[in-house]
Protein backbone atom coordinates (compact mmCIF):
# COMPACT_ATOMS: atom_id res chain seq x y z
CA MET A 1 -70.25 -168.48 -84.69
CA LYS A 2 -69.54 -164.44 -85.06
CA PHE A 3 -66.72 -164.87 -85.79
CA SER A 4 -67.02 -161.61 -88.49
CA LYS A 5 -65.35 -158.70 -85.96
CA THR A 6 -61.86 -160.79 -86.18
CA ALA A 7 -59.69 -157.80 -85.67
CA ALA A 8 -61.63 -157.12 -82.11
CA PHE A 9 -61.64 -160.66 -81.67
CA GLY A 10 -57.94 -161.03 -82.13
CA LEU A 11 -57.31 -157.69 -79.47
CA PHE A 12 -59.35 -159.14 -76.52
CA PHE A 13 -57.36 -162.37 -76.74
CA SER A 14 -54.45 -160.36 -77.00
CA LEU A 15 -54.83 -159.04 -73.56
CA ALA A 16 -56.44 -162.39 -72.81
CA LEU A 17 -53.32 -163.41 -72.98
CA VAL A 18 -51.05 -161.25 -71.26
CA VAL A 19 -53.78 -162.16 -67.67
CA ALA A 20 -53.27 -165.95 -68.36
CA GLY A 21 -49.52 -165.22 -68.48
CA CYS A 22 -49.18 -162.73 -65.69
CA GLY A 23 -51.61 -165.78 -63.89
CA GLN A 24 -49.92 -168.73 -65.23
CA THR A 25 -46.70 -168.68 -62.62
CA LYS A 26 -46.94 -172.97 -61.65
CA SER A 27 -45.81 -175.20 -64.96
CA ALA A 28 -47.62 -178.17 -65.71
CA THR A 29 -45.64 -180.37 -63.36
CA GLU A 30 -45.35 -177.92 -60.27
CA THR A 31 -46.72 -178.82 -56.66
CA ASP A 32 -50.29 -176.82 -55.61
CA PRO A 33 -51.41 -178.22 -51.97
CA SER A 34 -55.02 -175.95 -52.60
CA THR A 35 -55.56 -177.99 -55.43
CA ALA A 36 -53.61 -181.19 -53.90
CA SER A 37 -55.40 -184.71 -54.94
CA THR A 38 -55.72 -188.02 -54.06
CA PRO A 39 -53.33 -190.56 -53.78
CA ALA A 40 -50.55 -187.45 -54.15
CA ALA A 41 -51.34 -184.94 -52.04
CA THR A 42 -48.15 -183.47 -53.81
CA GLU A 43 -49.77 -183.32 -56.50
CA ARG A 44 -52.08 -180.59 -58.54
CA LYS A 45 -55.13 -181.75 -60.28
CA LEU A 46 -55.66 -181.34 -64.15
CA ASN A 47 -57.10 -178.27 -65.38
CA VAL A 48 -59.30 -179.04 -67.84
CA GLN A 49 -61.37 -176.63 -70.41
CA VAL A 50 -64.40 -178.70 -71.98
CA SER A 51 -66.30 -176.91 -75.17
CA PHE A 52 -69.71 -177.72 -73.99
CA TYR A 53 -71.77 -180.25 -71.15
CA PRO A 54 -72.10 -184.00 -73.56
CA MET A 55 -67.74 -183.03 -73.67
CA TYR A 56 -68.32 -182.33 -69.59
CA GLU A 57 -70.35 -185.33 -68.49
CA PHE A 58 -67.41 -187.52 -70.58
CA THR A 59 -64.37 -185.88 -68.89
CA LYS A 60 -65.92 -185.66 -65.20
CA ASN A 61 -66.62 -189.09 -65.51
CA VAL A 62 -63.03 -190.38 -66.41
CA ALA A 63 -61.20 -187.61 -64.33
CA GLY A 64 -63.46 -188.31 -61.70
CA ASP A 65 -61.56 -186.05 -58.67
CA LEU A 66 -58.10 -185.69 -60.45
CA ALA A 67 -59.30 -183.26 -62.31
CA ASP A 68 -60.90 -180.21 -62.09
CA VAL A 69 -63.26 -179.76 -65.25
CA HIS A 70 -65.20 -176.16 -66.05
CA THR A 71 -67.65 -175.97 -69.11
CA LEU A 72 -67.13 -173.17 -71.55
CA VAL A 73 -70.35 -172.83 -72.50
CA PRO A 74 -72.93 -172.03 -69.64
CA ALA A 75 -75.37 -173.82 -68.59
CA GLY A 76 -79.19 -173.30 -70.74
CA MET A 77 -77.25 -171.48 -73.27
CA GLU A 78 -77.64 -173.34 -76.86
CA PRO A 79 -74.13 -173.91 -78.16
CA HIS A 80 -74.55 -172.90 -81.44
CA ASP A 81 -74.73 -169.88 -80.07
CA TRP A 82 -71.72 -169.23 -77.85
CA GLU A 83 -68.48 -167.69 -79.13
CA PRO A 84 -65.54 -167.42 -76.32
CA THR A 85 -64.63 -164.52 -74.38
CA PRO A 86 -61.13 -163.03 -73.13
CA GLN A 87 -62.05 -164.54 -70.29
CA ASP A 88 -63.49 -167.56 -71.77
CA MET A 89 -59.67 -167.44 -73.72
CA ALA A 90 -57.87 -166.88 -70.63
CA SER A 91 -58.96 -169.79 -69.13
CA ILE A 92 -57.84 -172.32 -72.43
CA GLU A 93 -54.53 -170.62 -71.69
CA LYS A 94 -54.28 -171.69 -68.55
CA ALA A 95 -55.34 -175.30 -68.99
CA ASP A 96 -54.08 -178.49 -69.01
CA VAL A 97 -56.44 -179.85 -71.58
CA LEU A 98 -58.48 -178.73 -73.85
CA VAL A 99 -61.57 -181.44 -74.81
CA TYR A 100 -63.94 -180.22 -77.32
CA ASN A 101 -66.04 -182.74 -79.57
CA GLY A 102 -65.14 -181.94 -82.49
CA ALA A 103 -66.57 -182.65 -86.53
CA GLY A 104 -67.10 -178.35 -86.86
CA MET A 105 -69.55 -177.73 -83.78
CA GLU A 106 -67.23 -176.07 -81.95
CA SER A 107 -67.27 -173.60 -84.56
CA TRP A 108 -64.45 -171.56 -82.57
CA ILE A 109 -62.00 -173.87 -82.30
CA ASP A 110 -60.04 -173.97 -85.19
CA GLN A 111 -58.89 -170.11 -84.23
CA VAL A 112 -58.79 -170.52 -81.08
CA LYS A 113 -56.10 -173.44 -80.88
CA ASP A 114 -54.14 -171.41 -83.79
CA SER A 115 -54.26 -167.88 -81.23
CA LEU A 116 -53.37 -170.35 -78.07
CA SER A 117 -48.91 -169.73 -77.21
CA ASN A 118 -49.84 -172.63 -74.35
CA ASP A 119 -47.18 -175.60 -76.42
CA ASN A 120 -47.90 -178.02 -72.97
CA LEU A 121 -51.69 -178.36 -73.58
CA ILE A 122 -53.49 -181.51 -74.47
CA GLN A 123 -55.63 -180.77 -76.73
CA VAL A 124 -58.40 -183.81 -77.56
CA GLU A 125 -60.69 -184.25 -79.94
CA ALA A 126 -63.10 -186.40 -78.61
CA SER A 127 -64.91 -188.00 -82.23
CA LYS A 128 -61.48 -188.64 -83.88
CA GLY A 129 -61.91 -191.68 -85.58
CA ILE A 130 -65.43 -192.17 -85.63
CA ASN A 131 -67.15 -192.59 -89.03
CA LEU A 132 -68.96 -189.37 -89.94
CA LEU A 133 -72.23 -188.75 -90.93
CA GLU A 134 -71.71 -185.53 -94.23
CA GLY A 135 -74.69 -183.09 -92.97
CA GLY A 136 -78.10 -184.25 -94.04
CA GLU A 137 -77.10 -187.72 -95.02
CA HIS A 138 -79.03 -190.34 -92.54
CA ASP A 139 -81.65 -187.95 -92.98
CA HIS A 140 -83.28 -189.32 -96.11
CA SER A 141 -80.99 -192.44 -97.75
CA ASP A 142 -82.64 -195.76 -97.50
CA SER A 143 -85.88 -193.91 -96.10
CA GLU A 144 -89.45 -194.62 -96.46
CA ALA A 145 -90.18 -191.19 -96.59
CA GLU A 146 -87.81 -190.87 -99.65
CA ASP A 147 -90.71 -193.13 -101.17
CA HIS A 148 -93.73 -191.19 -99.77
CA ASP A 149 -93.58 -186.66 -100.37
CA HIS A 150 -90.33 -186.63 -98.16
CA ASP A 151 -87.89 -186.18 -101.40
CA HIS A 152 -86.89 -182.53 -101.36
CA ALA A 153 -85.27 -183.10 -104.39
CA SER A 154 -88.31 -181.76 -106.04
CA GLU A 155 -88.41 -178.77 -102.54
CA GLY A 156 -84.46 -177.19 -104.02
CA THR A 157 -83.49 -179.27 -100.54
CA THR A 158 -80.54 -180.81 -98.83
CA GLU A 159 -82.03 -184.08 -100.94
CA GLU A 160 -80.98 -182.45 -104.01
CA HIS A 161 -77.49 -183.47 -103.24
CA ASP A 162 -78.50 -187.36 -102.82
CA HIS A 163 -75.12 -187.90 -101.49
CA ASP A 164 -73.45 -186.55 -104.74
CA HIS A 165 -72.83 -183.25 -104.18
CA ASP A 166 -71.65 -181.71 -107.06
CA HIS A 167 -67.64 -180.72 -106.24
CA ALA A 168 -67.71 -176.93 -108.64
CA GLU A 169 -70.95 -176.12 -105.81
CA SER A 170 -69.36 -178.03 -102.49
CA ALA A 171 -65.67 -176.16 -102.89
CA THR A 172 -68.28 -172.75 -103.21
CA THR A 173 -70.55 -173.95 -99.92
CA GLU A 174 -66.94 -174.41 -98.22
CA GLU A 175 -65.81 -171.30 -98.75
CA HIS A 176 -68.64 -169.11 -97.79
CA ASN A 177 -69.14 -171.53 -95.25
CA HIS A 178 -65.73 -169.26 -94.02
CA ASP A 179 -67.26 -166.64 -94.76
CA HIS A 180 -68.86 -165.03 -92.29
CA GLY A 181 -70.23 -161.97 -93.72
CA ASP A 182 -71.52 -163.58 -96.23
CA GLU A 183 -73.70 -165.71 -94.24
CA LYS A 184 -76.30 -163.14 -93.04
CA ALA A 185 -76.92 -163.09 -97.15
CA THR A 186 -77.64 -166.78 -96.92
CA GLU A 187 -79.49 -167.03 -94.82
CA GLU A 188 -82.47 -164.54 -96.23
CA HIS A 189 -81.66 -166.29 -99.44
CA ASP A 190 -81.87 -169.65 -98.23
CA HIS A 191 -85.91 -169.53 -98.02
CA ASP A 192 -85.68 -168.93 -101.51
CA HIS A 193 -84.77 -172.51 -102.46
CA ALA A 194 -84.32 -172.10 -105.95
CA ASP A 195 -80.45 -172.71 -106.08
CA LYS A 196 -79.04 -175.84 -105.35
CA ALA A 197 -76.01 -174.25 -104.36
CA THR A 198 -77.34 -172.25 -101.28
CA THR A 199 -78.94 -175.37 -99.57
CA GLU A 200 -75.92 -177.27 -98.30
CA GLU A 201 -75.41 -173.32 -97.02
CA HIS A 202 -79.43 -172.97 -95.45
CA ALA A 203 -78.57 -176.17 -93.74
CA HIS A 204 -75.68 -175.10 -91.74
CA SER A 205 -76.71 -171.73 -91.66
CA HIS A 206 -77.44 -169.46 -88.57
CA SER A 207 -73.82 -168.66 -87.63
CA HIS A 208 -73.38 -172.38 -86.75
CA ASP A 209 -70.46 -174.52 -89.65
CA HIS A 210 -70.10 -177.47 -89.21
CA GLY A 211 -67.99 -177.93 -92.25
CA GLY A 212 -70.69 -180.35 -94.32
CA LEU A 213 -70.44 -182.63 -91.31
CA ASP A 214 -72.64 -184.02 -88.68
CA PRO A 215 -71.56 -183.36 -85.03
CA HIS A 216 -74.00 -185.64 -83.25
CA VAL A 217 -72.40 -188.66 -81.93
CA TRP A 218 -72.68 -188.04 -78.80
CA LEU A 219 -76.54 -188.66 -79.21
CA SER A 220 -75.41 -192.52 -80.01
CA PRO A 221 -74.80 -194.24 -76.54
CA ALA A 222 -72.25 -196.69 -78.76
CA LEU A 223 -70.70 -193.87 -80.04
CA ALA A 224 -70.51 -191.82 -77.37
CA ILE A 225 -67.97 -195.52 -75.97
CA GLN A 226 -65.43 -193.66 -78.44
CA GLU A 227 -65.53 -190.51 -77.57
CA VAL A 228 -65.00 -191.33 -73.64
CA ARG A 229 -61.95 -193.86 -74.76
CA ASN A 230 -60.71 -190.45 -76.77
CA ILE A 231 -61.22 -188.48 -74.01
CA GLU A 232 -59.32 -190.89 -70.56
CA ALA A 233 -56.39 -191.34 -73.48
CA GLY A 234 -56.16 -187.33 -73.48
CA LEU A 235 -56.10 -187.65 -69.90
CA ALA A 236 -53.94 -190.27 -69.57
CA GLU A 237 -50.92 -188.06 -71.80
CA ALA A 238 -51.59 -184.60 -69.05
CA ALA A 239 -51.53 -187.08 -66.58
CA PRO A 240 -49.34 -190.32 -66.77
CA GLU A 241 -49.06 -191.70 -63.45
CA TYR A 242 -52.68 -191.24 -63.30
CA ALA A 243 -53.08 -193.73 -66.17
CA ASP A 244 -54.44 -196.55 -64.67
CA GLN A 245 -57.46 -194.21 -62.46
CA PHE A 246 -58.83 -192.83 -65.22
CA LYS A 247 -58.96 -196.52 -67.37
CA GLN A 248 -60.57 -197.53 -64.17
CA ASN A 249 -63.13 -194.68 -64.15
CA ALA A 250 -63.91 -195.01 -67.88
CA ASP A 251 -64.65 -198.36 -67.93
CA ALA A 252 -67.38 -197.92 -65.06
CA TYR A 253 -68.63 -195.26 -67.16
CA VAL A 254 -68.71 -196.88 -70.18
CA ALA A 255 -70.44 -200.26 -68.50
CA LYS A 256 -72.96 -197.77 -68.05
CA LEU A 257 -73.16 -196.60 -71.66
CA GLU A 258 -73.39 -200.48 -73.14
CA ALA A 259 -76.00 -201.44 -70.97
CA LEU A 260 -77.97 -197.67 -71.85
CA ASP A 261 -76.62 -199.01 -76.17
CA THR A 262 -78.37 -202.32 -74.89
CA ASP A 263 -81.71 -201.31 -73.63
CA PHE A 264 -82.33 -198.98 -76.38
CA LYS A 265 -81.18 -202.13 -78.62
CA ALA A 266 -84.07 -203.83 -77.12
CA ALA A 267 -86.78 -201.02 -77.31
CA VAL A 268 -86.87 -200.92 -81.26
CA THR A 269 -86.45 -204.59 -81.93
CA ASP A 270 -89.67 -205.11 -82.49
CA SER A 271 -91.85 -201.23 -82.58
CA LYS A 272 -94.51 -200.77 -84.71
CA ARG A 273 -92.42 -198.18 -86.66
CA LYS A 274 -89.03 -197.19 -87.55
CA ASP A 275 -89.28 -193.45 -88.02
CA PHE A 276 -89.57 -190.60 -85.70
CA ILE A 277 -89.79 -186.67 -87.00
CA THR A 278 -87.64 -184.51 -85.08
CA GLN A 279 -87.32 -180.49 -85.04
CA HIS A 280 -83.49 -180.57 -86.16
CA ALA A 281 -81.52 -183.06 -87.50
CA ALA A 282 -79.67 -184.14 -84.23
CA PHE A 283 -80.21 -187.94 -84.20
CA GLY A 284 -79.25 -189.17 -87.17
CA TYR A 285 -76.34 -191.36 -85.47
CA LEU A 286 -78.47 -192.38 -83.10
CA ALA A 287 -81.02 -193.68 -86.07
CA GLN A 288 -78.44 -195.23 -88.00
CA GLU A 289 -77.23 -196.89 -85.09
CA TYR A 290 -80.63 -198.80 -84.23
CA GLY A 291 -82.24 -198.86 -87.58
CA LEU A 292 -84.48 -196.05 -87.33
CA GLN A 293 -85.45 -192.95 -89.93
CA GLN A 294 -84.79 -189.81 -88.61
CA VAL A 295 -87.11 -186.75 -90.49
CA PRO A 296 -85.88 -183.61 -89.56
CA ILE A 297 -88.08 -180.58 -89.88
CA ALA A 298 -85.00 -178.37 -90.46
CA GLY A 299 -81.38 -178.87 -90.63
CA LEU A 300 -78.37 -179.46 -88.13
CA SER A 301 -78.50 -175.85 -87.12
CA PRO A 302 -80.91 -176.30 -84.49
CA GLU A 303 -82.55 -172.20 -85.08
CA GLN A 304 -83.21 -172.65 -88.96
CA GLU A 305 -86.37 -171.95 -90.24
CA PRO A 306 -87.40 -174.53 -92.12
CA SER A 307 -88.51 -173.10 -95.80
CA ALA A 308 -92.50 -173.79 -96.74
CA ALA A 309 -91.50 -176.37 -98.71
CA GLN A 310 -90.06 -178.21 -95.94
CA MET A 311 -93.11 -177.69 -93.56
CA ALA A 312 -95.42 -179.34 -96.58
CA SER A 313 -93.36 -182.02 -97.12
CA VAL A 314 -93.47 -182.73 -92.88
CA ILE A 315 -96.66 -182.60 -92.94
CA ASP A 316 -97.22 -184.87 -95.99
CA PHE A 317 -95.09 -187.76 -94.18
CA ALA A 318 -96.59 -187.22 -91.11
CA LYS A 319 -100.37 -187.32 -92.14
CA GLU A 320 -99.66 -190.47 -94.50
CA HIS A 321 -97.27 -192.31 -91.73
CA GLN A 322 -99.95 -191.63 -88.71
CA VAL A 323 -97.85 -189.57 -87.24
CA LYS A 324 -99.02 -189.21 -83.73
CA THR A 325 -95.82 -187.08 -81.84
CA ILE A 326 -94.00 -184.43 -83.17
CA PHE A 327 -90.58 -184.08 -81.42
CA PHE A 328 -88.93 -180.68 -80.35
CA GLU A 329 -85.96 -180.36 -77.73
CA THR A 330 -84.84 -178.26 -74.89
CA LEU A 331 -82.52 -174.58 -75.45
CA VAL A 332 -84.89 -173.81 -78.48
CA SER A 333 -88.57 -172.61 -79.38
CA SER A 334 -90.86 -175.48 -80.32
CA LYS A 335 -92.73 -173.22 -82.29
CA VAL A 336 -92.46 -174.51 -85.72
CA SER A 337 -92.77 -178.87 -83.84
CA GLU A 338 -96.15 -176.77 -82.00
CA THR A 339 -97.38 -176.02 -85.69
CA ILE A 340 -96.54 -179.07 -87.49
CA ALA A 341 -97.98 -180.92 -84.06
CA ASN A 342 -101.58 -179.08 -84.81
CA GLU A 343 -102.11 -179.40 -88.60
CA VAL A 344 -101.98 -183.18 -88.27
CA GLY A 345 -103.75 -183.48 -85.07
CA ALA A 346 -100.23 -185.07 -83.23
CA LYS A 347 -98.77 -184.69 -80.37
CA THR A 348 -95.62 -183.25 -78.61
CA ALA A 349 -92.67 -184.65 -76.93
CA VAL A 350 -89.30 -183.53 -76.22
CA LEU A 351 -86.92 -184.98 -77.64
CA ASN A 352 -83.35 -183.46 -76.10
CA PRO A 353 -80.30 -183.41 -78.02
CA ILE A 354 -78.46 -183.01 -74.99
CA GLU A 355 -76.58 -180.04 -75.51
CA GLY A 356 -76.51 -178.66 -72.76
CA LEU A 357 -79.29 -178.81 -70.16
CA THR A 358 -81.35 -176.56 -68.43
CA GLU A 359 -81.57 -174.63 -64.98
CA GLU A 360 -84.18 -177.04 -64.04
CA GLU A 361 -82.08 -180.23 -64.93
CA ILE A 362 -79.09 -179.34 -62.83
CA ALA A 363 -81.29 -179.11 -59.39
CA ALA A 364 -83.08 -181.88 -60.00
CA GLY A 365 -80.17 -183.95 -60.93
CA MET A 366 -80.29 -184.88 -64.40
CA ASP A 367 -77.07 -186.21 -66.53
CA TYR A 368 -76.62 -187.45 -69.97
CA ILE A 369 -77.82 -190.67 -68.80
CA SER A 370 -80.70 -189.83 -67.05
CA VAL A 371 -81.92 -188.04 -70.05
CA MET A 372 -80.97 -190.35 -72.51
CA ARG A 373 -83.35 -192.70 -70.90
CA GLN A 374 -86.23 -190.05 -71.58
CA ASN A 375 -85.32 -189.21 -75.13
CA LEU A 376 -85.19 -194.00 -74.31
CA ASP A 377 -88.58 -193.79 -73.25
CA ALA A 378 -89.82 -191.05 -75.21
CA LEU A 379 -89.04 -192.93 -78.45
CA LYS A 380 -90.46 -195.83 -77.11
CA LEU A 381 -93.71 -194.27 -77.24
CA ALA A 382 -94.24 -192.75 -80.31
CA LEU A 383 -92.44 -195.83 -82.46
CA ASN A 384 -95.21 -197.88 -80.67
CA GLU A 385 -97.80 -195.36 -81.28
């Protein structure tokens, strides 16, 4: 995210707090007839702000009609490119609950939380308690790709770490991750993979710092269930009188996620292949859950430009393993995936990381479950070619 203009951000946020303070005349428990919800007409609905689309989907299914749920990142926008405006800050300040994914997905969250004056705000980190993967950890480990020209150790990419992370270099990288003034220089340098220490920075560059962790936990239905339960707990803390209803709603939605999980397991059990090539490394948790191997063209950031060595490595892998489908995603350009597909004589198809819905998907009534089922269908075809 772009917080290089820290002073300006602070000024805007101070003004936002003034606006929020003027508008927040009711306490968290004060009656607001205009927002009354069933069954208790004297109780107002919770005001819940969520970071981006998956958090909206999970929260709305748990809250039902007992909360007004608002998404901070607009529809159709890549969440990696988003940063809060003063109006967004004012909305968060007035909220009862803030739901975010965590694991570095919202690189702006710490600064936002530190700036808030609403001591009653319930903050829900949906990925809390989940065993997180390090960036790049799931891309190569225990894979055929390591044995067949997908070994990035010779290319100066993230496999050089081999889960061994030199601590001195990691410390340098971590310091860099919080120094947004240096990110531009690092991104320019990333295409010269001569320096191992810049590799991890490259994987998390383009103003999108995951802090070295893969945040895409929602793409595993099994882990999505854990996120739903964390959100349920947060809403119940904010409105204990509705705890039973939140649990009932969560149980119903979890049943759908469990069915989705079962279908994924069944689909990959007897598949001809276990590897798939993706535009960026968003599907590590899904691959880990179902015994698959993700071969990403680029790193965790969807707009990261792969190096020539990375492109050549993926092309070699695709040719050697006769890969017939190269996956791209919505919300970002498919140019890189199309280039590789043309080179190896493969087709392209969408594998959606569900970081947001397009206007067309919203108009078609799509949601997390339906998009994940589209992903399942796409994977079934690709894994059996």
